[in-house]
Amino acid sequence: MATELCDDEVTADVPEQDGEHTEGQTGPRPPRRRAARAAAVALSVAALGTLAFLSWQYKQHRDVTDASEAALASAQTYATTLTSIDTHSVDDNFAKVVDGATGEFKDMYAQSAAQLRQVLIDNKAMSKGVVVDSAVKSAAKNRVEVLLFIDQAITNAASPAPRLDRSRVAMTMERVDGRWLASRVELK
């Protein structure tokens, strides 16, 4: 008796040739497909890593830019407050200056304000400061150095005609509890 083989049996016993992979077969994948898949995965991981790094760098840059803009605006407002005095509201002026300051500058100004107050009242001193130009010198997320050009019109009892003072001011602004406060003010 002759035994007949079915086509399925013959193909099941025949080894794979030339790296071909037939449907339904459960053997290992060809090396080229595995290498291509591994390369695609590696490329995807590298692309995601690069994207994450660039996103982080952009956020850091954006945070510093936002800090620069906010600190510059606060410095401009503060410089106007600092250089504007009205003898009719000296206490209010001083309170605003102290409120916008921090650190050693705040302590120094608060101590000298008591002595300066009476001199300003006695001499009927008035001044109006205007920021003419300003720029950020250096910036970090919580500390920004600003340069300001200020014109200040000053009058007093001895000189009722306004005298114009032009000042260059370097101001360091620090973020304290979400507010930008002056920690250093230096005339240049």
N, C-alpha and C. Protein backbone atom coordinates (compact mmCIF):
# COMPACT_ATOMS: atom_id res chain seq x y z
N MET A 1 0.80 -1.15 0.00
CA MET A 1 0.00 0.00 0.00
C MET A 1 0.86 1.24 0.00
N ALA A 2 0.53 2.05 -0.84
CA ALA A 2 1.25 3.31 -0.99
C ALA A 2 0.56 4.37 -0.16
N THR A 3 1.36 5.16 0.45
CA THR A 3 0.81 6.23 1.28
C THR A 3 0.87 7.53 0.49
N GLU A 4 -0.26 8.14 0.43
CA GLU A 4 -0.31 9.41 -0.28
C GLU A 4 -0.19 10.55 0.73
N LEU A 5 0.57 11.52 0.35
CA LEU A 5 0.74 12.69 1.21
C LEU A 5 -0.12 13.82 0.72
N CYS A 6 -0.65 14.45 1.57
CA CYS A 6 -1.48 15.62 1.30
C CYS A 6 -0.56 16.82 1.08
N ASP A 7 -0.98 17.79 0.33
CA ASP A 7 -0.17 18.97 0.06
C ASP A 7 0.21 19.70 1.35
N ASP A 8 -0.71 19.73 2.31
CA ASP A 8 -0.44 20.43 3.57
C ASP A 8 0.70 19.78 4.33
N GLU A 9 0.76 18.49 4.31
CA GLU A 9 1.81 17.79 5.02
C GLU A 9 3.17 18.05 4.39
N VAL A 10 3.19 18.11 3.09
CA VAL A 10 4.45 18.31 2.40
C VAL A 10 5.01 19.70 2.72
N THR A 11 4.16 20.72 2.68
CA THR A 11 4.64 22.07 2.93
C THR A 11 5.02 22.27 4.38
N ALA A 12 4.41 21.53 5.27
CA ALA A 12 4.73 21.70 6.68
C ALA A 12 6.10 21.15 6.99
N ASP A 13 6.52 20.14 6.26
CA ASP A 13 7.81 19.53 6.53
C ASP A 13 8.93 20.17 5.73
N VAL A 14 8.60 20.97 4.76
CA VAL A 14 9.62 21.59 3.91
C VAL A 14 10.17 22.82 4.62
N PRO A 15 11.47 22.91 4.82
CA PRO A 15 12.04 24.08 5.50
C PRO A 15 11.92 25.34 4.64
N GLU A 16 11.92 26.46 5.33
CA GLU A 16 11.82 27.77 4.67
C GLU A 16 13.09 28.03 3.88
N GLN A 17 12.95 28.58 2.70
CA GLN A 17 14.11 28.84 1.87
C GLN A 17 14.23 30.34 1.58
N ASP A 18 15.45 30.78 1.52
CA ASP A 18 15.77 32.16 1.14
C ASP A 18 15.08 33.21 2.01
N GLY A 19 14.80 32.93 3.29
CA GLY A 19 14.22 33.93 4.17
C GLY A 19 12.78 34.23 3.89
N GLU A 20 12.10 33.42 3.06
CA GLU A 20 10.69 33.68 2.78
C GLU A 20 9.87 33.29 3.98
N HIS A 21 8.79 33.97 4.17
CA HIS A 21 7.90 33.72 5.29
C HIS A 21 6.51 33.53 4.70
N THR A 22 5.93 32.39 4.91
CA THR A 22 4.61 32.12 4.35
C THR A 22 3.55 32.41 5.38
N GLU A 23 2.36 32.73 4.93
CA GLU A 23 1.26 33.02 5.83
C GLU A 23 0.91 31.82 6.67
N GLY A 24 0.58 32.07 7.90
CA GLY A 24 0.18 31.01 8.78
C GLY A 24 1.34 30.32 9.46
N GLN A 25 2.53 30.60 9.04
CA GLN A 25 3.70 29.97 9.64
C GLN A 25 4.08 30.76 10.90
N THR A 26 4.48 30.08 11.95
CA THR A 26 4.75 30.73 13.23
C THR A 26 6.23 30.76 13.59
N GLY A 27 7.09 30.72 12.68
CA GLY A 27 8.53 30.73 12.95
C GLY A 27 9.04 32.14 13.19
N PRO A 28 10.34 32.28 13.40
CA PRO A 28 10.92 33.61 13.63
C PRO A 28 10.79 34.50 12.41
N ARG A 29 10.76 35.81 12.66
CA ARG A 29 10.63 36.77 11.56
C ARG A 29 11.96 36.90 10.86
N PRO A 30 11.94 37.29 9.63
CA PRO A 30 13.20 37.46 8.91
C PRO A 30 14.02 38.58 9.53
N PRO A 31 15.33 38.52 9.49
CA PRO A 31 16.20 39.53 10.10
C PRO A 31 15.99 40.92 9.55
N ARG A 32 15.69 41.08 8.27
CA ARG A 32 15.50 42.41 7.69
C ARG A 32 14.29 43.11 8.29
N ARG A 33 13.21 42.40 8.49
CA ARG A 33 12.01 43.00 9.07
C ARG A 33 12.26 43.40 10.52
N ARG A 34 12.93 42.57 11.26
CA ARG A 34 13.24 42.89 12.66
C ARG A 34 14.13 44.13 12.74
N ALA A 35 15.12 44.22 11.90
CA ALA A 35 16.03 45.36 11.89
C ALA A 35 15.30 46.64 11.51
N ALA A 36 14.42 46.56 10.53
CA ALA A 36 13.66 47.74 10.10
C ALA A 36 12.72 48.21 11.22
N ARG A 37 12.09 47.25 11.90
CA ARG A 37 11.18 47.60 12.99
C ARG A 37 11.96 48.22 14.15
N ALA A 38 13.09 47.65 14.49
CA ALA A 38 13.93 48.19 15.57
C ALA A 38 14.43 49.59 15.23
N ALA A 39 14.81 49.81 13.99
CA ALA A 39 15.26 51.13 13.56
C ALA A 39 14.13 52.14 13.64
N ALA A 40 12.93 51.73 13.27
CA ALA A 40 11.76 52.64 13.33
C ALA A 40 11.45 52.99 14.78
N VAL A 41 11.54 52.02 15.68
CA VAL A 41 11.28 52.28 17.10
C VAL A 41 12.35 53.22 17.66
N ALA A 42 13.61 52.95 17.33
CA ALA A 42 14.70 53.80 17.81
C ALA A 42 14.57 55.22 17.29
N LEU A 43 14.20 55.36 16.04
CA LEU A 43 14.02 56.68 15.45
C LEU A 43 12.85 57.41 16.12
N SER A 44 11.77 56.71 16.41
CA SER A 44 10.62 57.32 17.08
C SER A 44 10.99 57.78 18.48
N VAL A 45 11.73 56.96 19.22
CA VAL A 45 12.15 57.32 20.57
C VAL A 45 13.07 58.54 20.52
N ALA A 46 14.00 58.56 19.59
CA ALA A 46 14.91 59.70 19.45
C ALA A 46 14.15 60.98 19.09
N ALA A 47 13.18 60.85 18.20
CA ALA A 47 12.39 62.02 17.80
C ALA A 47 11.58 62.55 18.98
N LEU A 48 10.97 61.65 19.76
CA LEU A 48 10.19 62.09 20.92
C LEU A 48 11.09 62.73 21.97
N GLY A 49 12.28 62.16 22.17
CA GLY A 49 13.23 62.75 23.12
C GLY A 49 13.66 64.14 22.70
N THR A 50 13.95 64.29 21.42
CA THR A 50 14.36 65.59 20.89
C THR A 50 13.22 66.60 21.03
N LEU A 51 12.02 66.17 20.71
CA LEU A 51 10.85 67.06 20.83
C LEU A 51 10.63 67.48 22.28
N ALA A 52 10.77 66.54 23.21
CA ALA A 52 10.60 66.87 24.63
C ALA A 52 11.66 67.88 25.08
N PHE A 53 12.91 67.68 24.66
CA PHE A 53 13.99 68.59 25.03
C PHE A 53 13.77 69.98 24.45
N LEU A 54 13.39 70.06 23.18
CA LEU A 54 13.15 71.35 22.55
C LEU A 54 11.95 72.06 23.18
N SER A 55 10.93 71.30 23.55
CA SER A 55 9.77 71.89 24.24
C SER A 55 10.18 72.47 25.58
N TRP A 56 11.02 71.73 26.31
CA TRP A 56 11.49 72.20 27.61
C TRP A 56 12.31 73.48 27.44
N GLN A 57 13.21 73.49 26.45
CA GLN A 57 14.02 74.68 26.19
C GLN A 57 13.15 75.88 25.83
N TYR A 58 12.14 75.66 25.00
CA TYR A 58 11.24 76.74 24.61
C TYR A 58 10.51 77.29 25.84
N LYS A 59 10.05 76.39 26.72
CA LYS A 59 9.34 76.84 27.92
C LYS A 59 10.27 77.66 28.81
N GLN A 60 11.52 77.22 28.96
CA GLN A 60 12.48 77.99 29.76
C GLN A 60 12.68 79.39 29.17
N HIS A 61 12.85 79.46 27.87
CA HIS A 61 13.02 80.74 27.18
C HIS A 61 11.77 81.61 27.35
N ARG A 62 10.62 81.02 27.19
CA ARG A 62 9.35 81.75 27.32
C ARG A 62 9.18 82.28 28.73
N ASP A 63 9.54 81.47 29.74
CA ASP A 63 9.44 81.92 31.14
C ASP A 63 10.33 83.13 31.40
N VAL A 64 11.55 83.12 30.87
CA VAL A 64 12.47 84.25 31.06
C VAL A 64 11.97 85.48 30.31
N THR A 65 11.45 85.27 29.11
CA THR A 65 10.90 86.39 28.33
C THR A 65 9.71 87.01 29.05
N ASP A 66 8.82 86.17 29.56
CA ASP A 66 7.66 86.68 30.32
C ASP A 66 8.11 87.44 31.56
N ALA A 67 9.11 86.89 32.26
CA ALA A 67 9.64 87.56 33.45
C ALA A 67 10.23 88.91 33.09
N SER A 68 10.97 88.97 31.98
CA SER A 68 11.58 90.23 31.53
C SER A 68 10.52 91.29 31.28
N GLU A 69 9.48 90.90 30.56
CA GLU A 69 8.42 91.86 30.22
C GLU A 69 7.70 92.36 31.48
N ALA A 70 7.37 91.44 32.38
CA ALA A 70 6.66 91.83 33.60
C ALA A 70 7.53 92.70 34.50
N ALA A 71 8.78 92.32 34.66
CA ALA A 71 9.69 93.09 35.52
C ALA A 71 9.96 94.47 34.94
N LEU A 72 10.11 94.56 33.62
CA LEU A 72 10.35 95.86 32.98
C LEU A 72 9.16 96.79 33.20
N ALA A 73 7.96 96.27 33.02
CA ALA A 73 6.76 97.10 33.24
C ALA A 73 6.68 97.55 34.70
N SER A 74 6.97 96.66 35.62
CA SER A 74 6.95 97.02 37.05
C SER A 74 8.03 98.05 37.38
N ALA A 75 9.21 97.88 36.79
CA ALA A 75 10.30 98.83 37.03
C ALA A 75 9.95 100.22 36.52
N GLN A 76 9.32 100.29 35.36
CA GLN A 76 8.92 101.59 34.81
C GLN A 76 7.93 102.29 35.74
N THR A 77 6.93 101.54 36.19
CA THR A 77 5.93 102.10 37.11
C THR A 77 6.60 102.52 38.42
N TYR A 78 7.46 101.66 38.93
CA TYR A 78 8.13 101.95 40.20
C TYR A 78 9.05 103.17 40.08
N ALA A 79 9.76 103.29 38.98
CA ALA A 79 10.65 104.44 38.78
C ALA A 79 9.86 105.75 38.79
N THR A 80 8.68 105.73 38.18
CA THR A 80 7.83 106.92 38.20
C THR A 80 7.39 107.23 39.63
N THR A 81 7.01 106.21 40.37
CA THR A 81 6.61 106.39 41.77
C THR A 81 7.77 106.93 42.60
N LEU A 82 8.95 106.37 42.37
CA LEU A 82 10.13 106.74 43.14
C LEU A 82 10.57 108.18 42.87
N THR A 83 10.37 108.67 41.67
CA THR A 83 10.87 109.99 41.29
C THR A 83 9.77 111.07 41.28
N SER A 84 8.59 110.73 41.72
CA SER A 84 7.50 111.71 41.79
C SER A 84 7.11 111.93 43.25
N ILE A 85 7.18 113.19 43.67
CA ILE A 85 6.85 113.55 45.06
C ILE A 85 5.92 114.76 45.05
N ASP A 86 4.90 114.68 45.86
CA ASP A 86 3.97 115.80 46.04
C ASP A 86 3.94 116.11 47.53
N THR A 87 4.28 117.33 47.92
CA THR A 87 4.33 117.67 49.35
C THR A 87 2.98 117.52 50.04
N HIS A 88 1.92 117.52 49.26
CA HIS A 88 0.58 117.37 49.84
C HIS A 88 0.25 115.91 50.15
N SER A 89 1.04 114.99 49.62
CA SER A 89 0.78 113.57 49.88
C SER A 89 2.09 112.79 50.05
N VAL A 90 3.00 113.37 50.84
CA VAL A 90 4.31 112.77 51.05
C VAL A 90 4.19 111.38 51.67
N ASP A 91 3.33 111.25 52.67
CA ASP A 91 3.20 109.94 53.34
C ASP A 91 2.70 108.87 52.38
N ASP A 92 1.77 109.24 51.52
CA ASP A 92 1.25 108.29 50.52
C ASP A 92 2.35 107.93 49.52
N ASN A 93 3.14 108.93 49.09
CA ASN A 93 4.26 108.67 48.18
C ASN A 93 5.26 107.69 48.81
N PHE A 94 5.63 107.95 50.05
CA PHE A 94 6.59 107.09 50.74
C PHE A 94 6.04 105.67 50.90
N ALA A 95 4.78 105.57 51.24
CA ALA A 95 4.16 104.25 51.43
C ALA A 95 4.20 103.44 50.13
N LYS A 96 3.94 104.10 49.00
CA LYS A 96 4.00 103.41 47.71
C LYS A 96 5.42 102.97 47.36
N VAL A 97 6.41 103.82 47.68
CA VAL A 97 7.80 103.48 47.39
C VAL A 97 8.21 102.27 48.24
N VAL A 98 7.90 102.28 49.52
CA VAL A 98 8.25 101.17 50.40
C VAL A 98 7.51 99.89 49.98
N ASP A 99 6.26 100.03 49.57
CA ASP A 99 5.47 98.86 49.14
C ASP A 99 6.06 98.21 47.88
N GLY A 100 6.71 98.97 47.04
CA GLY A 100 7.28 98.43 45.80
C GLY A 100 8.72 97.98 45.93
N ALA A 101 9.25 97.97 47.17
CA ALA A 101 10.65 97.62 47.38
C ALA A 101 10.77 96.35 48.22
N THR A 102 11.98 95.80 48.22
CA THR A 102 12.27 94.61 49.03
C THR A 102 13.74 94.63 49.46
N GLY A 103 14.06 93.83 50.45
CA GLY A 103 15.45 93.65 50.86
C GLY A 103 16.08 94.89 51.46
N GLU A 104 17.38 95.03 51.23
CA GLU A 104 18.15 96.14 51.79
C GLU A 104 17.67 97.49 51.29
N PHE A 105 17.25 97.55 50.04
CA PHE A 105 16.77 98.83 49.52
C PHE A 105 15.53 99.28 50.28
N LYS A 106 14.63 98.36 50.55
CA LYS A 106 13.42 98.70 51.30
C LYS A 106 13.77 99.19 52.70
N ASP A 107 14.68 98.50 53.36
CA ASP A 107 15.08 98.89 54.71
C ASP A 107 15.74 100.27 54.71
N MET A 108 16.65 100.49 53.76
CA MET A 108 17.36 101.77 53.67
C MET A 108 16.37 102.92 53.41
N TYR A 109 15.46 102.71 52.47
CA TYR A 109 14.51 103.77 52.13
C TYR A 109 13.57 104.06 53.30
N ALA A 110 13.09 103.02 53.95
CA ALA A 110 12.18 103.21 55.09
C ALA A 110 12.86 104.00 56.20
N GLN A 111 14.14 103.76 56.44
CA GLN A 111 14.87 104.49 57.49
C GLN A 111 15.10 105.95 57.12
N SER A 112 15.43 106.22 55.87
CA SER A 112 15.72 107.60 55.47
C SER A 112 14.46 108.41 55.20
N ALA A 113 13.34 107.77 55.00
CA ALA A 113 12.09 108.47 54.68
C ALA A 113 11.65 109.41 55.79
N ALA A 114 11.83 109.01 57.03
CA ALA A 114 11.42 109.85 58.15
C ALA A 114 12.17 111.17 58.15
N GLN A 115 13.48 111.13 57.88
CA GLN A 115 14.28 112.36 57.85
C GLN A 115 13.96 113.19 56.61
N LEU A 116 13.79 112.53 55.49
CA LEU A 116 13.53 113.20 54.22
C LEU A 116 12.15 113.86 54.20
N ARG A 117 11.19 113.26 54.87
CA ARG A 117 9.81 113.75 54.87
C ARG A 117 9.73 115.23 55.27
N GLN A 118 10.31 115.57 56.39
CA GLN A 118 10.20 116.95 56.88
C GLN A 118 10.93 117.93 55.98
N VAL A 119 12.07 117.54 55.43
CA VAL A 119 12.82 118.41 54.52
C VAL A 119 11.98 118.73 53.28
N LEU A 120 11.32 117.72 52.73
CA LEU A 120 10.48 117.93 51.55
C LEU A 120 9.31 118.86 51.86
N ILE A 121 8.68 118.68 53.00
CA ILE A 121 7.53 119.52 53.38
C ILE A 121 7.98 120.95 53.64
N ASP A 122 9.06 121.13 54.38
CA ASP A 122 9.56 122.47 54.69
C ASP A 122 9.96 123.25 53.44
N ASN A 123 10.52 122.56 52.45
CA ASN A 123 10.97 123.21 51.23
C ASN A 123 9.93 123.19 50.11
N LYS A 124 8.77 122.66 50.40
CA LYS A 124 7.69 122.57 49.41
C LYS A 124 8.20 121.94 48.10
N ALA A 125 8.94 120.86 48.26
CA ALA A 125 9.53 120.18 47.11
C ALA A 125 8.48 119.36 46.37
N MET A 126 8.56 119.45 45.07
CA MET A 126 7.66 118.69 44.19
C MET A 126 8.52 118.14 43.05
N SER A 127 8.20 116.95 42.62
CA SER A 127 8.89 116.42 41.45
C SER A 127 7.95 115.49 40.69
N LYS A 128 8.20 115.42 39.41
CA LYS A 128 7.41 114.55 38.55
C LYS A 128 8.39 113.81 37.65
N GLY A 129 8.47 112.48 37.85
CA GLY A 129 9.39 111.67 37.05
C GLY A 129 8.67 110.99 35.90
N VAL A 130 9.37 110.92 34.78
CA VAL A 130 8.84 110.26 33.58
C VAL A 130 9.94 109.36 33.03
N VAL A 131 9.60 108.10 32.79
CA VAL A 131 10.56 107.18 32.19
C VAL A 131 10.59 107.45 30.69
N VAL A 132 11.75 107.87 30.20
CA VAL A 132 11.91 108.21 28.79
C VAL A 132 12.22 106.96 27.97
N ASP A 133 13.06 106.09 28.55
CA ASP A 133 13.43 104.86 27.85
C ASP A 133 13.87 103.84 28.89
N SER A 134 13.77 102.58 28.52
CA SER A 134 14.20 101.53 29.44
C SER A 134 14.49 100.27 28.65
N ALA A 135 15.29 99.40 29.28
CA ALA A 135 15.63 98.13 28.64
C ALA A 135 16.04 97.13 29.70
N VAL A 136 15.89 95.86 29.36
CA VAL A 136 16.33 94.78 30.24
C VAL A 136 17.82 94.54 29.98
N LYS A 137 18.60 94.57 31.04
CA LYS A 137 20.05 94.31 30.94
C LYS A 137 20.32 92.81 31.02
N SER A 138 19.70 92.14 31.99
CA SER A 138 19.83 90.69 32.12
C SER A 138 18.57 90.17 32.81
N ALA A 139 18.30 88.88 32.56
CA ALA A 139 17.05 88.35 33.09
C ALA A 139 17.17 86.88 33.44
N ALA A 140 16.47 86.52 34.48
CA ALA A 140 16.25 85.14 34.89
C ALA A 140 14.78 85.08 35.32
N LYS A 141 14.31 83.91 35.67
CA LYS A 141 12.88 83.76 36.00
C LYS A 141 12.45 84.64 37.17
N ASN A 142 13.31 84.84 38.17
CA ASN A 142 12.92 85.56 39.38
C ASN A 142 13.76 86.80 39.68
N ARG A 143 14.65 87.16 38.75
CA ARG A 143 15.49 88.34 38.97
C ARG A 143 15.80 88.98 37.61
N VAL A 144 15.52 90.27 37.50
CA VAL A 144 15.73 90.98 36.23
C VAL A 144 16.41 92.31 36.53
N GLU A 145 17.46 92.60 35.79
CA GLU A 145 18.16 93.88 35.91
C GLU A 145 17.69 94.78 34.77
N VAL A 146 17.30 96.00 35.13
CA VAL A 146 16.71 96.94 34.18
C VAL A 146 17.50 98.25 34.19
N LEU A 147 17.65 98.85 33.02
CA LEU A 147 18.24 100.19 32.91
C LEU A 147 17.14 101.15 32.49
N LEU A 148 17.08 102.30 33.16
CA LEU A 148 16.02 103.27 32.88
C LEU A 148 16.62 104.66 32.69
N PHE A 149 16.06 105.40 31.75
CA PHE A 149 16.39 106.81 31.57
C PHE A 149 15.18 107.60 32.02
N ILE A 150 15.39 108.48 32.99
CA ILE A 150 14.28 109.18 33.63
C ILE A 150 14.49 110.68 33.55
N ASP A 151 13.47 111.39 33.12
CA ASP A 151 13.44 112.85 33.20
C ASP A 151 12.60 113.21 34.41
N GLN A 152 13.13 114.11 35.25
CA GLN A 152 12.45 114.48 36.48
C GLN A 152 12.38 116.00 36.57
N ALA A 153 11.17 116.54 36.56
CA ALA A 153 10.95 117.99 36.70
C ALA A 153 10.80 118.28 38.21
N ILE A 154 11.69 119.14 38.73
CA ILE A 154 11.74 119.39 40.17
C ILE A 154 11.50 120.87 40.45
N THR A 155 10.66 121.11 41.43
CA THR A 155 10.44 122.49 41.92
C THR A 155 10.52 122.47 43.45
N ASN A 156 10.82 123.64 44.02
CA ASN A 156 10.78 123.78 45.49
C ASN A 156 10.58 125.26 45.81
N ALA A 157 10.52 125.60 47.09
CA ALA A 157 10.26 126.98 47.50
C ALA A 157 11.34 127.93 46.99
N ALA A 158 12.57 127.52 46.96
CA ALA A 158 13.67 128.38 46.51
C ALA A 158 13.73 128.48 44.99
N SER A 159 13.21 127.50 44.29
CA SER A 159 13.27 127.47 42.83
C SER A 159 11.92 127.00 42.27
N PRO A 160 10.97 127.96 42.16
CA PRO A 160 9.63 127.59 41.72
C PRO A 160 9.55 127.20 40.23
N ALA A 161 10.53 127.62 39.43
CA ALA A 161 10.53 127.23 38.02
C ALA A 161 11.08 125.80 37.94
N PRO A 162 10.41 124.94 37.19
CA PRO A 162 10.85 123.53 37.12
C PRO A 162 12.27 123.40 36.55
N ARG A 163 13.05 122.59 37.22
CA ARG A 163 14.39 122.24 36.76
C ARG A 163 14.34 120.78 36.30
N LEU A 164 14.93 120.51 35.16
CA LEU A 164 14.88 119.16 34.61
C LEU A 164 16.16 118.40 34.95
N ASP A 165 15.99 117.29 35.64
CA ASP A 165 17.10 116.39 35.93
C ASP A 165 16.93 115.16 35.05
N ARG A 166 18.02 114.74 34.42
CA ARG A 166 18.00 113.53 33.60
C ARG A 166 18.87 112.49 34.30
N SER A 167 18.26 111.38 34.62
CA SER A 167 18.96 110.36 35.37
C SER A 167 18.99 109.04 34.63
N ARG A 168 20.08 108.31 34.83
CA ARG A 168 20.17 106.92 34.39
C ARG A 168 20.13 106.09 35.65
N VAL A 169 19.26 105.11 35.65
CA VAL A 169 19.07 104.30 36.85
C VAL A 169 19.19 102.82 36.49
N ALA A 170 19.97 102.10 37.30
CA ALA A 170 20.02 100.64 37.19
C ALA A 170 19.17 100.11 38.33
N MET A 171 18.22 99.26 37.99
CA MET A 171 17.30 98.75 38.99
C MET A 171 17.25 97.22 38.89
N THR A 172 17.36 96.57 40.04
CA THR A 172 17.21 95.11 40.08
C THR A 172 15.83 94.81 40.63
N MET A 173 15.09 94.05 39.84
CA MET A 173 13.73 93.66 40.23
C MET A 173 13.75 92.18 40.61
N GLU A 174 13.10 91.85 41.72
CA GLU A 174 13.00 90.45 42.16
C GLU A 174 11.54 90.08 42.34
N ARG A 175 11.23 88.84 41.93
CA ARG A 175 9.85 88.35 42.10
C ARG A 175 9.71 87.83 43.53
N VAL A 176 8.79 88.46 44.26
CA VAL A 176 8.51 88.08 45.64
C VAL A 176 7.01 87.87 45.76
N ASP A 177 6.61 86.65 46.06
CA ASP A 177 5.18 86.30 46.19
C ASP A 177 4.38 86.75 44.97
N GLY A 178 4.93 86.56 43.80
CA GLY A 178 4.23 86.88 42.55
C GLY A 178 4.30 88.35 42.13
N ARG A 179 4.95 89.19 42.92
CA ARG A 179 5.09 90.62 42.58
C ARG A 179 6.54 90.92 42.26
N TRP A 180 6.74 91.86 41.34
CA TRP A 180 8.09 92.32 41.01
C TRP A 180 8.40 93.53 41.86
N LEU A 181 9.42 93.42 42.74
CA LEU A 181 9.79 94.48 43.65
C LEU A 181 11.23 94.88 43.42
N ALA A 182 11.52 96.16 43.68
CA ALA A 182 12.89 96.67 43.50
C ALA A 182 13.73 96.28 44.71
N SER A 183 14.85 95.58 44.44
CA SER A 183 15.75 95.20 45.53
C SER A 183 17.02 96.05 45.52
N ARG A 184 17.25 96.75 44.41
CA ARG A 184 18.41 97.63 44.31
C ARG A 184 18.08 98.73 43.30
N VAL A 185 18.41 99.96 43.68
CA VAL A 185 18.24 101.11 42.80
C VAL A 185 19.52 101.92 42.87
N GLU A 186 20.13 102.11 41.71
CA GLU A 186 21.43 102.78 41.68
C GLU A 186 21.44 103.83 40.57
N LEU A 187 21.78 105.07 40.94
CA LEU A 187 21.94 106.13 39.94
C LEU A 187 23.25 105.92 39.22
N LYS A 188 23.22 106.07 37.91
CA LYS A 188 24.44 105.88 37.09
C LYS A 188 24.95 107.20 36.61
